[in-house]
Amino acid sequence: MTTETSPPGPSLTVRRKPDRQTDDPAVLDRILADGRLAHVALVRDGHPVVLPFLYGVGDLGDGLGRRLLLHGSTGGGLFLDAGHEGVPVSVAITHLDALVYARSLNDSSANYRSAMIAGRASVVPRERRARALWCVGDHLMPGRRTEVREMTPKEVAATQVLQVPLDAVSVKVRAGGVGDSPDDGEDHGVWAGVVPLTTTTGPPEPSPLSEGLPVPPSVALR
């Protein structure tokens, strides 16, 4: 997927292996849904900086549609950088799905799904902050909202969310196998193939005060 920003921003067109770029919105949705961590790049004091953020995706009911929501503290550096005008950023979300073992290191590769989002990160207005925080919570811990108390005004005031529009995005995917053939001149006595990579959850580890309590659905279903 590629959509240019207005005013003009960085080019989002893939130049190397352009066949791997896709404009299918369902692919972007899946990449965002499967991720938990976003790496946010910006320039601070003339130096490039990359910061990791937990994120969510949601519609804040203001008519602007879905957007990427970055979670942090009101005292966090990027949140201070954003100020009232926002700050230009580039956000990357990547899934490494497999390693592709060819019969040479040069031909070996990886299967992946990646999304780069370019835009201006701005602070979510105070009146929509609680909704944005719930969006992030629902993304990271689906179903947990019904199991816990409401956020207090003090908690909402101490936490902040940045929003990045999803209208300037570049999506790139590789999902193939080994590019070999019987007459490729390689030594076919060497094994070649694909090794899938997955991220899995481990057994829940209760806090000391939760010993003996049943595991809630939001945790048991992970």
Protein backbone atom coordinates (compact mmCIF):
# COMPACT_ATOMS: atom_id res chain seq x y z
CA MET A 1 0.00 0.00 0.00
CA THR A 2 1.31 3.45 -0.82
CA THR A 3 -0.38 6.80 -0.47
CA GLU A 4 1.54 10.04 -0.74
CA THR A 5 1.24 12.62 2.04
CA SER A 6 -0.06 16.14 1.52
CA PRO A 7 2.00 18.28 1.84
CA PRO A 8 4.61 16.05 0.16
CA GLY A 9 6.46 13.72 2.48
CA PRO A 10 8.98 10.95 1.86
CA SER A 11 8.51 8.70 -1.15
CA LEU A 12 6.64 5.55 -0.20
CA THR A 13 7.26 3.72 -3.46
CA VAL A 14 9.33 0.53 -3.17
CA ARG A 15 12.12 0.67 -5.75
CA ARG A 16 13.91 -2.62 -5.08
CA LYS A 17 11.66 -5.62 -5.74
CA PRO A 18 8.56 -3.48 -6.27
CA ASP A 19 6.46 -6.63 -6.79
CA ARG A 20 6.58 -7.10 -3.03
CA GLN A 21 4.69 -3.88 -2.39
CA THR A 22 0.95 -4.21 -1.94
CA ASP A 23 -1.95 -1.77 -1.74
CA ASP A 24 -4.34 -4.32 -0.25
CA PRO A 25 -5.81 -2.67 2.89
CA ALA A 26 -6.52 -6.11 4.39
CA VAL A 27 -2.78 -6.84 4.43
CA LEU A 28 -2.10 -3.60 6.30
CA ASP A 29 -4.91 -4.36 8.76
CA ARG A 30 -3.39 -7.79 9.47
CA ILE A 31 0.09 -6.37 10.01
CA LEU A 32 -1.26 -3.81 12.46
CA ALA A 33 -3.46 -6.38 14.24
CA ASP A 34 -0.62 -8.88 14.65
CA GLY A 35 1.85 -6.33 16.04
CA ARG A 36 2.36 -4.93 19.51
CA LEU A 37 5.51 -2.84 19.15
CA ALA A 38 6.11 0.09 16.80
CA HIS A 39 9.48 1.69 16.15
CA VAL A 40 9.14 5.44 15.69
CA ALA A 41 11.87 7.40 13.91
CA LEU A 42 12.29 11.17 14.16
CA VAL A 43 15.00 13.81 14.12
CA ARG A 44 15.81 15.38 17.50
CA ASP A 45 18.39 18.14 17.84
CA GLY A 46 19.70 17.28 14.38
CA HIS A 47 20.20 13.59 15.15
CA PRO A 48 18.12 10.60 14.02
CA VAL A 49 16.41 8.77 16.88
CA VAL A 50 14.36 5.56 16.89
CA LEU A 51 12.04 4.89 19.85
CA PRO A 52 9.95 1.77 20.61
CA PHE A 53 6.30 2.23 21.56
CA LEU A 54 3.42 -0.01 22.48
CA TYR A 55 0.57 0.87 20.18
CA GLY A 56 -3.04 0.33 19.27
CA VAL A 57 -5.28 1.19 16.34
CA GLY A 58 -8.63 2.86 16.79
CA ASP A 59 -11.29 5.37 15.81
CA LEU A 60 -11.72 8.14 18.38
CA GLY A 61 -15.15 9.15 17.16
CA ASP A 62 -14.05 12.54 15.82
CA GLY A 63 -14.74 11.83 12.15
CA LEU A 64 -11.07 11.32 11.27
CA GLY A 65 -11.27 7.52 11.06
CA ARG A 66 -8.85 4.92 12.33
CA ARG A 67 -5.31 5.91 13.22
CA LEU A 68 -2.21 4.53 14.90
CA LEU A 69 -2.13 5.32 18.61
CA LEU A 70 1.20 5.44 20.48
CA HIS A 71 1.12 4.98 24.25
CA GLY A 72 3.35 6.84 26.66
CA SER A 73 3.76 9.24 29.58
CA THR A 74 2.98 12.94 29.56
CA GLY A 75 6.67 13.46 30.40
CA GLY A 76 7.98 11.28 27.55
CA GLY A 77 10.40 12.92 25.11
CA LEU A 78 8.40 12.36 21.93
CA PHE A 79 5.25 13.63 23.62
CA LEU A 80 7.07 16.81 24.61
CA ASP A 81 8.49 17.12 21.07
CA ALA A 82 4.98 16.90 19.62
CA GLY A 83 3.79 19.97 21.50
CA HIS A 84 0.73 21.61 19.96
CA GLU A 85 1.81 21.29 16.33
CA GLY A 86 2.88 17.65 16.22
CA VAL A 87 6.18 16.24 14.98
CA PRO A 88 7.09 14.48 11.69
CA VAL A 89 7.74 10.76 12.23
CA SER A 90 8.18 7.53 10.36
CA VAL A 91 6.78 4.44 12.06
CA ALA A 92 7.80 0.86 11.24
CA ILE A 93 5.97 -2.33 12.19
CA THR A 94 7.61 -5.55 11.01
CA HIS A 95 6.89 -9.26 11.35
CA LEU A 96 9.65 -11.75 10.56
CA ASP A 97 7.67 -14.84 9.52
CA ALA A 98 10.39 -17.23 8.33
CA LEU A 99 14.03 -17.68 7.37
CA VAL A 100 14.54 -18.93 3.84
CA TYR A 101 17.58 -21.24 3.57
CA ALA A 102 18.89 -21.31 0.01
CA ARG A 103 21.93 -23.29 -1.15
CA SER A 104 24.09 -20.20 -0.79
CA LEU A 105 24.06 -17.38 1.72
CA ASN A 106 23.74 -14.89 -1.12
CA ASP A 107 20.43 -16.42 -2.23
CA SER A 108 19.07 -16.96 1.28
CA SER A 109 16.33 -14.62 2.41
CA ALA A 110 13.49 -14.12 4.86
CA ASN A 111 9.71 -13.98 4.72
CA TYR A 112 8.32 -10.86 6.32
CA ARG A 113 5.48 -8.37 6.43
CA SER A 114 6.27 -4.73 7.02
CA ALA A 115 4.43 -1.43 7.14
CA MET A 116 6.00 2.02 7.15
CA ILE A 117 3.72 4.87 8.18
CA ALA A 118 4.80 8.45 7.47
CA GLY A 119 3.06 11.43 8.99
CA ARG A 120 2.84 13.88 11.82
CA ALA A 121 2.43 12.51 15.33
CA SER A 122 0.15 14.76 17.35
CA VAL A 123 -1.19 14.61 20.88
CA VAL A 124 -4.66 13.13 21.28
CA PRO A 125 -6.95 15.85 22.67
CA ARG A 126 -7.63 15.53 26.38
CA GLU A 127 -11.35 14.86 25.86
CA ARG A 128 -10.55 11.80 23.73
CA ARG A 129 -7.59 10.50 25.71
CA ALA A 130 -9.52 7.91 27.75
CA ARG A 131 -11.03 6.47 24.57
CA ALA A 132 -7.58 6.33 22.97
CA LEU A 133 -6.16 4.52 26.00
CA TRP A 134 -8.94 1.95 25.85
CA CYS A 135 -8.17 1.44 22.15
CA VAL A 136 -4.55 0.70 23.01
CA GLY A 137 -5.61 -1.61 25.84
CA ASP A 138 -8.06 -3.48 23.61
CA HIS A 139 -5.32 -3.97 21.02
CA LEU A 140 -2.69 -5.24 23.48
CA MET A 141 -4.97 -7.19 25.83
CA PRO A 142 -8.26 -8.05 24.08
CA GLY A 143 -11.12 -8.62 26.51
CA ARG A 144 -9.32 -7.19 29.53
CA ARG A 145 -11.53 -4.10 29.67
CA THR A 146 -14.49 -6.07 31.03
CA GLU A 147 -12.35 -7.57 33.82
CA VAL A 148 -10.85 -4.43 35.34
CA ARG A 149 -12.09 -1.17 36.85
CA GLU A 150 -12.42 2.08 34.94
CA MET A 151 -9.41 4.38 34.70
CA THR A 152 -9.36 7.21 37.22
CA PRO A 153 -9.12 10.84 36.06
CA LYS A 154 -5.66 11.00 37.66
CA GLU A 155 -4.48 7.99 35.64
CA VAL A 156 -5.80 9.44 32.41
CA ALA A 157 -4.12 12.78 33.16
CA ALA A 158 -0.74 11.10 33.78
CA THR A 159 -0.82 9.07 30.57
CA GLN A 160 -0.64 10.34 27.02
CA VAL A 161 -1.33 9.06 23.53
CA LEU A 162 0.01 10.27 20.21
CA GLN A 163 -1.97 9.74 17.01
CA VAL A 164 -0.55 9.15 13.53
CA PRO A 165 -2.89 9.09 10.49
CA LEU A 166 -2.94 5.96 8.34
CA ASP A 167 -3.19 7.80 5.02
CA ALA A 168 0.52 7.59 4.05
CA VAL A 169 1.62 3.97 4.30
CA SER A 170 3.96 1.64 2.43
CA VAL A 171 3.41 -2.11 2.84
CA LYS A 172 5.90 -4.72 1.67
CA VAL A 173 5.59 -8.50 1.91
CA ARG A 174 7.72 -11.53 1.04
CA ALA A 175 6.00 -14.89 1.50
CA GLY A 176 7.76 -17.22 -0.93
CA GLY A 177 10.02 -20.21 -0.72
CA VAL A 178 13.49 -20.93 -2.06
CA GLY A 179 14.08 -19.72 -5.60
CA ASP A 180 15.69 -22.91 -6.91
CA SER A 181 15.30 -25.13 -9.97
CA PRO A 182 16.86 -28.40 -11.21
CA ASP A 183 19.15 -26.55 -13.64
CA ASP A 184 20.22 -23.62 -11.42
CA GLY A 185 23.80 -24.93 -11.14
CA GLU A 186 23.65 -25.21 -7.33
CA ASP A 187 24.73 -28.24 -5.29
CA HIS A 188 21.42 -30.02 -4.67
CA GLY A 189 23.09 -32.15 -2.02
CA VAL A 190 22.73 -29.12 0.27
CA TRP A 191 19.40 -28.84 2.09
CA ALA A 192 17.26 -25.81 1.24
CA GLY A 193 13.88 -24.77 2.57
CA VAL A 194 11.90 -22.49 4.82
CA VAL A 195 12.04 -22.32 8.63
CA PRO A 196 8.87 -20.63 10.00
CA LEU A 197 9.25 -18.25 12.93
CA THR A 198 6.43 -17.58 15.38
CA THR A 199 5.87 -15.60 18.58
CA THR A 200 4.01 -17.56 21.24
CA THR A 201 2.80 -16.89 24.77
CA GLY A 202 4.10 -18.83 27.75
CA PRO A 203 2.20 -20.10 30.80
CA PRO A 204 0.65 -17.22 32.81
CA GLU A 205 2.64 -16.25 35.91
CA PRO A 206 0.28 -14.92 38.61
CA SER A 207 1.28 -12.17 41.00
CA PRO A 208 1.66 -13.26 44.68
CA LEU A 209 -1.78 -11.84 45.52
CA SER A 210 -3.36 -13.72 42.59
CA GLU A 211 -2.31 -17.19 43.72
CA GLY A 212 -5.33 -19.49 43.64
CA LEU A 213 -7.46 -17.19 41.51
CA PRO A 214 -8.75 -18.54 38.20
CA VAL A 215 -7.02 -17.29 35.07
CA PRO A 216 -9.40 -14.77 33.42
CA PRO A 217 -10.60 -15.27 29.84
CA SER A 218 -8.51 -12.38 28.50
CA VAL A 219 -5.38 -14.25 29.63
CA ALA A 220 -6.50 -17.84 29.06
CA LEU A 221 -7.34 -17.12 25.41
CA ARG A 222 -3.95 -15.59 24.56
